[in-house]
């Protein structure tokens, strides 16, 4: 680990935004084809900062 530095809330939000991957083929096609079978309460599969 690294000691002696930290990120502000705004910096963490910026990192979360720019590091969020886009859905690529074939996943976009699969998600669209199965949209009626998708669990709406579990639609975000990516880990995000809670700070």
PDB file of N, CA and C in Angstrom:
ATOM      1  N   UNK A   1       0.800  -1.177   0.000  1.00  0.00           N
ATOM      2  CA  UNK A   1       0.000   0.000   0.000  1.00  0.00           C
ATOM      3  C   UNK A   1       0.851   1.252   0.000  1.00  0.00           C
ATOM      4  N   UNK A   2       0.189   2.337  -0.192  1.00  0.00           N
ATOM      5  CA  UNK A   2       0.842   3.638  -0.206  1.00  0.00           C
ATOM      6  C   UNK A   2       0.360   4.423   0.998  1.00  0.00           C
ATOM      7  N   UNK A   3       1.297   5.068   1.666  1.00  0.00           N
ATOM      8  CA  UNK A   3       0.951   5.867   2.845  1.00  0.00           C
ATOM      9  C   UNK A   3       1.143   7.345   2.562  1.00  0.00           C
ATOM     10  N   UNK A   4       0.355   8.164   3.233  1.00  0.00           N
ATOM     11  CA  UNK A   4       0.574   9.597   3.184  1.00  0.00           C
ATOM     12  C   UNK A   4      -0.206  10.353   2.124  1.00  0.00           C
ATOM     13  N   UNK A   5      -1.139   9.741   1.451  1.00  0.00           N
ATOM     14  CA  UNK A   5      -1.944  10.483   0.478  1.00  0.00           C
ATOM     15  C   UNK A   5      -3.352   9.931   0.462  1.00  0.00           C
ATOM     16  N   UNK A   6      -4.270  10.757  -0.007  1.00  0.00           N
ATOM     17  CA  UNK A   6      -5.667  10.330  -0.109  1.00  0.00           C
ATOM     18  C   UNK A   6      -6.332  11.084  -1.250  1.00  0.00           C
ATOM     19  N   UNK A   7      -7.484  10.598  -1.658  1.00  0.00           N
ATOM     20  CA  UNK A   7      -8.256  11.230  -2.726  1.00  0.00           C
ATOM     21  C   UNK A   7      -9.455  11.941  -2.124  1.00  0.00           C
ATOM     22  N   UNK A   8      -9.796  13.073  -2.715  1.00  0.00           N
ATOM     23  CA  UNK A   8     -11.006  13.766  -2.284  1.00  0.00           C
ATOM     24  C   UNK A   8     -12.220  13.030  -2.842  1.00  0.00           C
ATOM     25  N   UNK A   9     -13.375  13.381  -2.342  1.00  0.00           N
ATOM     26  CA  UNK A   9     -14.613  12.767  -2.826  1.00  0.00           C
ATOM     27  C   UNK A   9     -14.801  13.044  -4.317  1.00  0.00           C
ATOM     28  N   UNK A  10     -14.487  14.271  -4.749  1.00  0.00           N
ATOM     29  CA  UNK A  10     -14.626  14.638  -6.163  1.00  0.00           C
ATOM     30  C   UNK A  10     -13.659  13.837  -7.035  1.00  0.00           C
ATOM     31  N   UNK A  11     -12.423  13.664  -6.561  1.00  0.00           N
ATOM     32  CA  UNK A  11     -11.440  12.880  -7.319  1.00  0.00           C
ATOM     33  C   UNK A  11     -11.884  11.420  -7.441  1.00  0.00           C
ATOM     34  N   UNK A  12     -12.445  10.878  -6.359  1.00  0.00           N
ATOM     35  CA  UNK A  12     -12.921   9.493  -6.393  1.00  0.00           C
ATOM     36  C   UNK A  12     -14.096   9.349  -7.352  1.00  0.00           C
ATOM     37  N   UNK A  13     -15.002  10.337  -7.377  1.00  0.00           N
ATOM     38  CA  UNK A  13     -16.135  10.300  -8.308  1.00  0.00           C
ATOM     39  C   UNK A  13     -15.650  10.384  -9.748  1.00  0.00           C
ATOM     40  N   UNK A  14     -14.632  11.210  -9.994  1.00  0.00           N
ATOM     41  CA  UNK A  14     -14.061  11.316 -11.337  1.00  0.00           C
ATOM     42  C   UNK A  14     -13.465   9.987 -11.767  1.00  0.00           C
ATOM     43  N   UNK A  15     -12.710   9.352 -10.883  1.00  0.00           N
ATOM     44  CA  UNK A  15     -12.129   8.045 -11.211  1.00  0.00           C
ATOM     45  C   UNK A  15     -13.210   6.999 -11.460  1.00  0.00           C
ATOM     46  N   UNK A  16     -14.263   7.007 -10.642  1.00  0.00           N
ATOM     47  CA  UNK A  16     -15.373   6.070 -10.847  1.00  0.00           C
ATOM     48  C   UNK A  16     -16.013   6.275 -12.214  1.00  0.00           C
ATOM     49  N   UNK A  17     -16.196   7.534 -12.600  1.00  0.00           N
ATOM     50  CA  UNK A  17     -16.844   7.857 -13.874  1.00  0.00           C
ATOM     51  C   UNK A  17     -15.998   7.433 -15.065  1.00  0.00           C
ATOM     52  N   UNK A  18     -14.717   7.796 -15.061  1.00  0.00           N
ATOM     53  CA  UNK A  18     -13.884   7.507 -16.234  1.00  0.00           C
ATOM     54  C   UNK A  18     -13.433   6.053 -16.299  1.00  0.00           C
ATOM     55  N   UNK A  19     -13.467   5.329 -15.179  1.00  0.00           N
ATOM     56  CA  UNK A  19     -13.032   3.936 -15.214  1.00  0.00           C
ATOM     57  C   UNK A  19     -14.187   2.961 -15.408  1.00  0.00           C
ATOM     58  N   UNK A  20     -15.411   3.472 -15.453  1.00  0.00           N
ATOM     59  CA  UNK A  20     -16.566   2.612 -15.671  1.00  0.00           C
ATOM     60  C   UNK A  20     -16.524   2.074 -17.102  1.00  0.00           C
ATOM     61  N   UNK A  21     -16.407   0.766 -17.253  1.00  0.00           N
ATOM     62  CA  UNK A  21     -16.295   0.206 -18.605  1.00  0.00           C
ATOM     63  C   UNK A  21     -17.604   0.294 -19.380  1.00  0.00           C
ATOM     64  N   UNK A  22     -17.476   0.428 -20.679  1.00  0.00           N
ATOM     65  CA  UNK A  22     -18.659   0.376 -21.529  1.00  0.00           C
ATOM     66  C   UNK A  22     -18.964  -1.085 -21.839  1.00  0.00           C
ATOM     67  N   UNK A  23     -20.187  -1.367 -22.095  1.00  0.00           N
ATOM     68  CA  UNK A  23     -20.584  -2.730 -22.426  1.00  0.00           C
ATOM     69  C   UNK A  23     -20.235  -2.976 -23.889  1.00  0.00           C
ATOM     70  N   UNK A  24     -19.461  -4.001 -24.141  1.00  0.00           N
ATOM     71  CA  UNK A  24     -19.020  -4.299 -25.499  1.00  0.00           C
ATOM     72  C   UNK A  24     -19.709  -5.545 -26.029  1.00  0.00           C
ATOM     73  N   UNK A  25     -19.599  -5.744 -27.330  1.00  0.00           N
ATOM     74  CA  UNK A  25     -20.116  -6.949 -27.961  1.00  0.00           C
ATOM     75  C   UNK A  25     -19.360  -8.141 -27.411  1.00  0.00           C
ATOM     76  N   UNK A  26     -19.969  -9.221 -27.086  1.00  0.00           N
ATOM     77  CA  UNK A  26     -21.359  -9.620 -27.302  1.00  0.00           C
ATOM     78  C   UNK A  26     -22.280  -9.292 -26.142  1.00  0.00           C
ATOM     79  N   UNK A  27     -21.746  -8.681 -25.085  1.00  0.00           N
ATOM     80  CA  UNK A  27     -22.552  -8.465 -23.887  1.00  0.00           C
ATOM     81  C   UNK A  27     -23.732  -7.533 -24.129  1.00  0.00           C
ATOM     82  N   UNK A  28     -23.530  -6.476 -24.911  1.00  0.00           N
ATOM     83  CA  UNK A  28     -24.632  -5.564 -25.206  1.00  0.00           C
ATOM     84  C   UNK A  28     -25.762  -6.305 -25.919  1.00  0.00           C
ATOM     85  N   UNK A  29     -25.409  -7.159 -26.882  1.00  0.00           N
ATOM     86  CA  UNK A  29     -26.416  -7.928 -27.607  1.00  0.00           C
ATOM     87  C   UNK A  29     -27.142  -8.888 -26.654  1.00  0.00           C
ATOM     88  N   UNK A  30     -26.398  -9.553 -25.786  1.00  0.00           N
ATOM     89  CA  UNK A  30     -26.998 -10.506 -24.847  1.00  0.00           C
ATOM     90  C   UNK A  30     -27.916  -9.777 -23.866  1.00  0.00           C
ATOM     91  N   UNK A  31     -27.452  -8.645 -23.323  1.00  0.00           N
ATOM     92  CA  UNK A  31     -28.286  -7.887 -22.391  1.00  0.00           C
ATOM     93  C   UNK A  31     -29.562  -7.401 -23.065  1.00  0.00           C
ATOM     94  N   UNK A  32     -29.462  -6.929 -24.311  1.00  0.00           N
ATOM     95  CA  UNK A  32     -30.648  -6.453 -25.026  1.00  0.00           C
ATOM     96  C   UNK A  32     -31.599  -7.597 -25.349  1.00  0.00           C
ATOM     97  N   UNK A  33     -31.069  -8.734 -25.747  1.00  0.00           N
ATOM     98  CA  UNK A  33     -31.918  -9.878 -26.090  1.00  0.00           C
ATOM     99  C   UNK A  33     -32.627 -10.436 -24.857  1.00  0.00           C
ATOM    100  N   UNK A  34     -31.996 -10.305 -23.704  1.00  0.00           N
ATOM    101  CA  UNK A  34     -32.558 -10.853 -22.472  1.00  0.00           C
ATOM    102  C   UNK A  34     -33.060  -9.767 -21.528  1.00  0.00           C
ATOM    103  N   UNK A  35     -33.398  -8.615 -22.055  1.00  0.00           N
ATOM    104  CA  UNK A  35     -33.788  -7.498 -21.191  1.00  0.00           C
ATOM    105  C   UNK A  35     -35.014  -7.817 -20.340  1.00  0.00           C
ATOM    106  N   UNK A  36     -35.914  -8.646 -20.841  1.00  0.00           N
ATOM    107  CA  UNK A  36     -37.097  -8.997 -20.056  1.00  0.00           C
ATOM    108  C   UNK A  36     -36.777 -10.008 -18.956  1.00  0.00           C
ATOM    109  N   UNK A  37     -35.605 -10.631 -19.011  1.00  0.00           N
ATOM    110  CA  UNK A  37     -35.210 -11.617 -18.006  1.00  0.00           C
ATOM    111  C   UNK A  37     -34.231 -11.043 -16.990  1.00  0.00           C
ATOM    112  N   UNK A  38     -33.866  -9.800 -17.152  1.00  0.00           N
ATOM    113  CA  UNK A  38     -32.854  -9.179 -16.308  1.00  0.00           C
ATOM    114  C   UNK A  38     -33.460  -8.710 -14.991  1.00  0.00           C
ATOM    115  N   UNK A  39     -32.741  -8.927 -13.901  1.00  0.00           N
ATOM    116  CA  UNK A  39     -33.201  -8.517 -12.581  1.00  0.00           C
ATOM    117  C   UNK A  39     -32.965  -7.015 -12.414  1.00  0.00           C
ATOM    118  N   UNK A  40     -34.016  -6.204 -12.354  1.00  0.00           N
ATOM    119  CA  UNK A  40     -33.839  -4.746 -12.271  1.00  0.00           C
ATOM    120  C   UNK A  40     -33.171  -4.292 -10.978  1.00  0.00           C
ATOM    121  N   UNK A  41     -33.242  -5.093  -9.918  1.00  0.00           N
ATOM    122  CA  UNK A  41     -32.609  -4.694  -8.660  1.00  0.00           C
ATOM    123  C   UNK A  41     -31.127  -5.036  -8.633  1.00  0.00           C
ATOM    124  N   UNK A  42     -30.630  -5.718  -9.671  1.00  0.00           N
ATOM    125  CA  UNK A  42     -29.212  -6.062  -9.746  1.00  0.00           C
ATOM    126  C   UNK A  42     -28.686  -5.706 -11.129  1.00  0.00           C
ATOM    127  N   UNK A  43     -28.833  -4.447 -11.521  1.00  0.00           N
ATOM    128  CA  UNK A  43     -28.464  -4.050 -12.874  1.00  0.00           C
ATOM    129  C   UNK A  43     -27.076  -3.435 -12.973  1.00  0.00           C
ATOM    130  N   UNK A  44     -26.404  -3.221 -11.837  1.00  0.00           N
ATOM    131  CA  UNK A  44     -25.074  -2.616 -11.866  1.00  0.00           C
ATOM    132  C   UNK A  44     -24.070  -3.624 -11.328  1.00  0.00           C
ATOM    133  N   UNK A  45     -23.251  -4.169 -12.208  1.00  0.00           N
ATOM    134  CA  UNK A  45     -22.339  -5.236 -11.838  1.00  0.00           C
ATOM    135  C   UNK A  45     -20.948  -4.740 -11.477  1.00  0.00           C
ATOM    136  N   UNK A  46     -20.714  -3.433 -11.486  1.00  0.00           N
ATOM    137  CA  UNK A  46     -19.382  -2.891 -11.287  1.00  0.00           C
ATOM    138  C   UNK A  46     -19.224  -2.352  -9.875  1.00  0.00           C
ATOM    139  N   UNK A  47     -18.053  -2.562  -9.301  1.00  0.00           N
ATOM    140  CA  UNK A  47     -17.751  -2.083  -7.959  1.00  0.00           C
ATOM    141  C   UNK A  47     -17.502  -0.583  -8.012  1.00  0.00           C
ATOM    142  N   UNK A  48     -18.097   0.136  -7.098  1.00  0.00           N
ATOM    143  CA  UNK A  48     -17.917   1.581  -7.031  1.00  0.00           C
ATOM    144  C   UNK A  48     -17.463   1.973  -5.635  1.00  0.00           C
ATOM    145  N   UNK A  49     -16.884   3.123  -5.544  1.00  0.00           N
ATOM    146  CA  UNK A  49     -16.428   3.651  -4.266  1.00  0.00           C
ATOM    147  C   UNK A  49     -17.619   3.955  -3.367  1.00  0.00           C
ATOM    148  N   UNK A  50     -17.484   3.661  -2.097  1.00  0.00           N
ATOM    149  CA  UNK A  50     -18.533   3.994  -1.138  1.00  0.00           C
ATOM    150  C   UNK A  50     -18.136   5.182  -0.283  1.00  0.00           C
ATOM    151  N   UNK A  51     -16.949   5.724  -0.531  1.00  0.00           N
ATOM    152  CA  UNK A  51     -16.453   6.857   0.275  1.00  0.00           C
ATOM    153  C   UNK A  51     -17.096   8.151  -0.133  1.00  0.00           C
TER     154      UNK A  51
END
